[in-house]
N, C-alpha and C. Protein backbone atom coordinates (compact mmCIF):
# COMPACT_ATOMS: atom_id res chain seq x y z
N UNK A 1 81.45 40.22 -30.44
CA UNK A 1 81.55 39.47 -29.67
C UNK A 1 80.09 39.13 -29.37
N UNK A 2 79.47 39.59 -29.88
CA UNK A 2 77.55 39.31 -29.44
C UNK A 2 77.42 38.54 -31.53
N UNK A 3 78.40 38.23 -31.52
CA UNK A 3 78.75 38.13 -33.14
C UNK A 3 78.33 36.17 -32.36
N UNK A 4 80.10 36.40 -31.61
CA UNK A 4 80.14 34.72 -31.39
C UNK A 4 78.89 34.04 -30.81
N UNK A 5 78.74 35.22 -29.75
CA UNK A 5 77.19 33.79 -28.38
C UNK A 5 77.09 33.84 -29.50
N UNK A 6 76.12 34.56 -30.38
CA UNK A 6 75.34 34.37 -31.72
C UNK A 6 75.77 32.47 -32.41
N UNK A 7 76.27 33.07 -32.10
CA UNK A 7 76.84 31.75 -33.26
C UNK A 7 77.28 30.66 -32.34
N UNK A 8 77.46 30.30 -31.30
CA UNK A 8 77.96 29.30 -30.17
C UNK A 8 76.26 28.76 -29.75
N UNK A 9 74.97 29.55 -30.03
CA UNK A 9 74.82 29.47 -28.76
C UNK A 9 73.61 28.79 -30.03
N UNK A 10 73.24 29.83 -31.20
CA UNK A 10 72.86 28.45 -32.48
C UNK A 10 73.54 27.38 -32.65
N UNK A 11 74.80 27.44 -33.38
CA UNK A 11 74.84 25.87 -32.65
C UNK A 11 74.95 24.62 -31.90
N UNK A 12 74.40 25.31 -30.56
CA UNK A 12 74.09 24.74 -28.78
C UNK A 12 73.70 24.03 -29.61
N UNK A 13 71.90 24.75 -29.94
CA UNK A 13 70.73 24.83 -29.66
C UNK A 13 70.33 23.32 -31.37
N UNK A 14 71.02 23.96 -32.10
CA UNK A 14 70.89 22.73 -33.86
C UNK A 14 71.25 21.79 -33.88
N UNK A 15 72.67 21.26 -32.06
CA UNK A 15 72.61 20.51 -31.85
C UNK A 15 71.71 19.12 -31.18
N UNK A 16 70.96 20.67 -30.54
CA UNK A 16 70.41 19.69 -29.13
C UNK A 16 68.74 19.93 -30.14
N UNK A 17 68.86 19.76 -31.11
CA UNK A 17 67.36 19.86 -31.49
C UNK A 17 67.82 18.27 -32.93
N UNK A 18 68.68 18.42 -33.04
CA UNK A 18 69.27 16.82 -33.67
C UNK A 18 69.22 15.85 -32.70
N UNK A 19 70.17 16.43 -32.03
CA UNK A 19 70.15 14.79 -30.58
C UNK A 19 68.19 14.44 -30.31
N UNK A 20 67.02 16.00 -29.92
CA UNK A 20 66.39 15.59 -30.14
C UNK A 20 65.38 14.87 -30.98
N UNK A 21 65.46 15.42 -32.47
CA UNK A 21 65.16 14.08 -33.53
C UNK A 21 65.53 12.55 -33.30
N UNK A 22 66.26 12.57 -33.19
CA UNK A 22 67.21 11.47 -32.92
C UNK A 22 66.37 10.29 -32.57
N UNK A 23 65.06 10.37 -30.69
CA UNK A 23 65.24 9.75 -29.83
C UNK A 23 63.91 9.23 -30.58
N UNK A 24 62.66 9.91 -31.29
CA UNK A 24 61.40 8.48 -32.23
C UNK A 24 61.36 8.32 -33.23
N UNK A 25 63.72 8.49 -33.69
CA UNK A 25 63.84 8.20 -34.69
C UNK A 25 63.88 6.43 -34.08
N UNK A 26 64.97 6.60 -33.12
CA UNK A 26 66.14 5.66 -32.65
C UNK A 26 64.60 4.22 -31.99
N UNK A 27 63.30 4.91 -31.62
CA UNK A 27 62.64 4.49 -31.22
C UNK A 27 61.82 3.46 -32.05
N UNK A 28 61.67 4.13 -32.89
CA UNK A 28 60.49 3.59 -34.25
C UNK A 28 61.91 2.81 -34.20
N UNK A 29 62.43 2.50 -34.57
CA UNK A 29 64.18 1.45 -35.54
C UNK A 29 63.45 0.79 -34.26
N UNK A 30 64.04 0.73 -32.70
CA UNK A 30 63.44 -0.35 -31.84
C UNK A 30 62.26 -0.88 -32.69
N UNK A 31 61.17 -0.27 -32.36
CA UNK A 31 60.35 -0.57 -32.85
C UNK A 31 59.65 -2.00 -34.04
N UNK A 32 60.30 -1.60 -35.58
CA UNK A 32 60.04 -2.34 -36.41
C UNK A 32 61.43 -3.65 -36.04
N UNK A 33 62.48 -3.21 -35.49
CA UNK A 33 63.79 -4.04 -35.30
C UNK A 33 63.70 -4.82 -34.35
N UNK A 34 63.67 -4.47 -33.42
CA UNK A 34 63.66 -4.68 -31.50
C UNK A 34 65.01 -5.18 -31.24
N UNK A 35 66.08 -3.47 -32.39
CA UNK A 35 67.71 -3.65 -31.61
C UNK A 35 68.04 -2.38 -31.68
N UNK A 36 68.72 -2.25 -30.96
CA UNK A 36 69.10 -0.74 -30.47
C UNK A 36 69.58 -0.01 -31.75
N UNK A 37 69.19 1.08 -32.58
CA UNK A 37 69.90 1.90 -33.55
C UNK A 37 71.41 2.29 -33.10
N UNK A 38 71.63 2.21 -32.12
CA UNK A 38 72.77 3.15 -30.97
C UNK A 38 72.86 2.19 -30.44
N UNK A 39 74.68 1.48 -30.88
CA UNK A 39 75.55 -0.03 -29.84
C UNK A 39 75.41 0.71 -28.57
N UNK A 40 74.32 0.01 -27.34
CA UNK A 40 75.59 0.18 -26.71
C UNK A 40 73.69 1.67 -25.48
N UNK A 41 73.65 1.78 -26.22
CA UNK A 41 72.22 2.91 -25.87
C UNK A 41 71.11 2.41 -26.49
N UNK A 42 70.53 1.74 -25.67
CA UNK A 42 69.19 1.65 -25.39
C UNK A 42 68.32 2.55 -24.75
N UNK A 43 67.42 3.31 -25.72
CA UNK A 43 66.71 4.07 -25.92
C UNK A 43 65.39 4.17 -25.30
N UNK A 44 64.64 3.67 -25.59
CA UNK A 44 63.94 3.05 -25.02
C UNK A 44 63.18 2.27 -23.43
N UNK A 45 64.74 1.08 -23.44
CA UNK A 45 64.93 1.04 -21.48
C UNK A 45 65.45 2.17 -21.46
N UNK A 46 66.16 3.13 -20.81
CA UNK A 46 65.93 4.83 -20.43
C UNK A 46 64.85 5.36 -20.36
N UNK A 47 64.01 5.45 -21.56
CA UNK A 47 62.95 6.20 -21.40
C UNK A 47 62.16 5.85 -20.57
N UNK A 48 62.08 4.70 -20.30
CA UNK A 48 60.78 3.56 -19.47
C UNK A 48 61.53 4.11 -17.69
N UNK A 49 62.81 3.76 -17.88
CA UNK A 49 63.57 3.94 -16.42
C UNK A 49 63.38 5.82 -15.68
N UNK A 50 62.85 6.24 -16.61
CA UNK A 50 63.10 7.46 -17.56
C UNK A 50 61.75 8.07 -16.43
N UNK A 51 60.37 7.90 -17.35
CA UNK A 51 59.32 8.17 -16.23
C UNK A 51 59.06 6.66 -15.55
N UNK A 52 58.97 6.27 -15.08
CA UNK A 52 59.43 4.71 -14.00
C UNK A 52 60.55 5.45 -13.20
N UNK A 53 61.05 6.33 -12.82
CA UNK A 53 61.42 7.19 -11.68
C UNK A 53 61.01 8.47 -11.68
N UNK A 54 60.62 9.33 -11.76
CA UNK A 54 59.83 10.85 -12.56
C UNK A 54 58.62 10.06 -11.07
N UNK A 55 58.43 8.48 -11.92
CA UNK A 55 56.52 8.59 -11.26
C UNK A 55 56.90 8.11 -9.79
N UNK A 56 57.52 8.10 -9.47
CA UNK A 56 57.70 7.00 -8.73
C UNK A 56 58.68 8.09 -7.52
N UNK A 57 58.61 8.30 -7.33
CA UNK A 57 59.12 9.93 -6.93
C UNK A 57 58.16 11.57 -6.14
N UNK A 58 57.50 10.79 -6.75
CA UNK A 58 56.29 12.03 -6.29
C UNK A 58 55.99 13.60 -6.79
N UNK A 59 55.96 14.31 -5.57
CA UNK A 59 56.11 15.91 -5.41
C UNK A 59 57.66 16.06 -6.69
N UNK A 60 58.03 15.45 -5.80
CA UNK A 60 60.01 16.19 -7.20
C UNK A 60 60.40 15.46 -8.36
N UNK A 61 59.45 15.07 -8.44
CA UNK A 61 59.80 14.01 -10.11
C UNK A 61 58.14 14.55 -10.71
N UNK A 62 57.25 15.47 -9.74
CA UNK A 62 56.76 16.00 -10.72
C UNK A 62 57.07 17.85 -10.98
N UNK A 63 58.15 17.89 -9.96
CA UNK A 63 58.60 19.86 -10.21
C UNK A 63 59.96 18.85 -11.12
N UNK A 64 60.59 17.74 -11.39
CA UNK A 64 61.56 18.20 -12.27
C UNK A 64 61.13 17.81 -14.15
N UNK A 65 59.41 17.08 -12.96
CA UNK A 65 58.62 17.08 -15.39
C UNK A 65 58.45 18.50 -15.21
N UNK A 66 58.24 19.02 -14.98
CA UNK A 66 56.95 20.81 -15.25
C UNK A 66 59.22 21.26 -15.58
N UNK A 67 60.22 21.43 -15.47
CA UNK A 67 60.98 21.60 -15.38
C UNK A 67 62.02 21.75 -17.06
N UNK A 68 62.20 19.88 -16.86
CA UNK A 68 62.02 19.41 -18.31
C UNK A 68 61.35 19.83 -19.06
N UNK A 69 59.53 20.10 -19.30
CA UNK A 69 59.34 20.27 -20.11
C UNK A 69 59.34 21.93 -20.59
N UNK A 70 60.03 23.09 -19.46
CA UNK A 70 59.87 23.87 -19.59
C UNK A 70 60.91 24.70 -21.11
N UNK A 71 61.98 23.10 -20.45
CA UNK A 71 63.03 23.32 -21.35
C UNK A 71 62.60 22.74 -22.61
N UNK A 72 62.58 21.85 -22.92
CA UNK A 72 61.82 21.24 -24.10
C UNK A 72 61.07 21.88 -24.57
N UNK A 73 59.64 22.72 -24.30
CA UNK A 73 59.13 23.64 -25.40
C UNK A 73 59.50 24.21 -26.56
N UNK A 74 59.23 25.12 -27.33
CA UNK A 74 59.89 25.11 -28.26
C UNK A 74 59.23 27.34 -27.93
N UNK A 75 60.02 28.17 -27.33
CA UNK A 75 59.46 29.54 -27.51
C UNK A 75 59.66 31.17 -28.35
N UNK A 76 58.75 31.26 -28.13
CA UNK A 76 58.97 31.87 -29.56
C UNK A 76 59.25 33.74 -28.92
């Protein structure tokens, strides 16, 4: 049973790594071509909105930023 959980956990981590790797690729593509890499997904606009929202939220935005940083940093 533990083996199944380890496989599922590894799959989810791998999937998350793929999606996090697509963010810089899509931003780079947007800078080169001016078009979105995936139609209907405006990555640059969404990142700009996220940063503006966190910046305007004051202390709550700071707490959310700390939580996001905790989840996105590599743990050893």
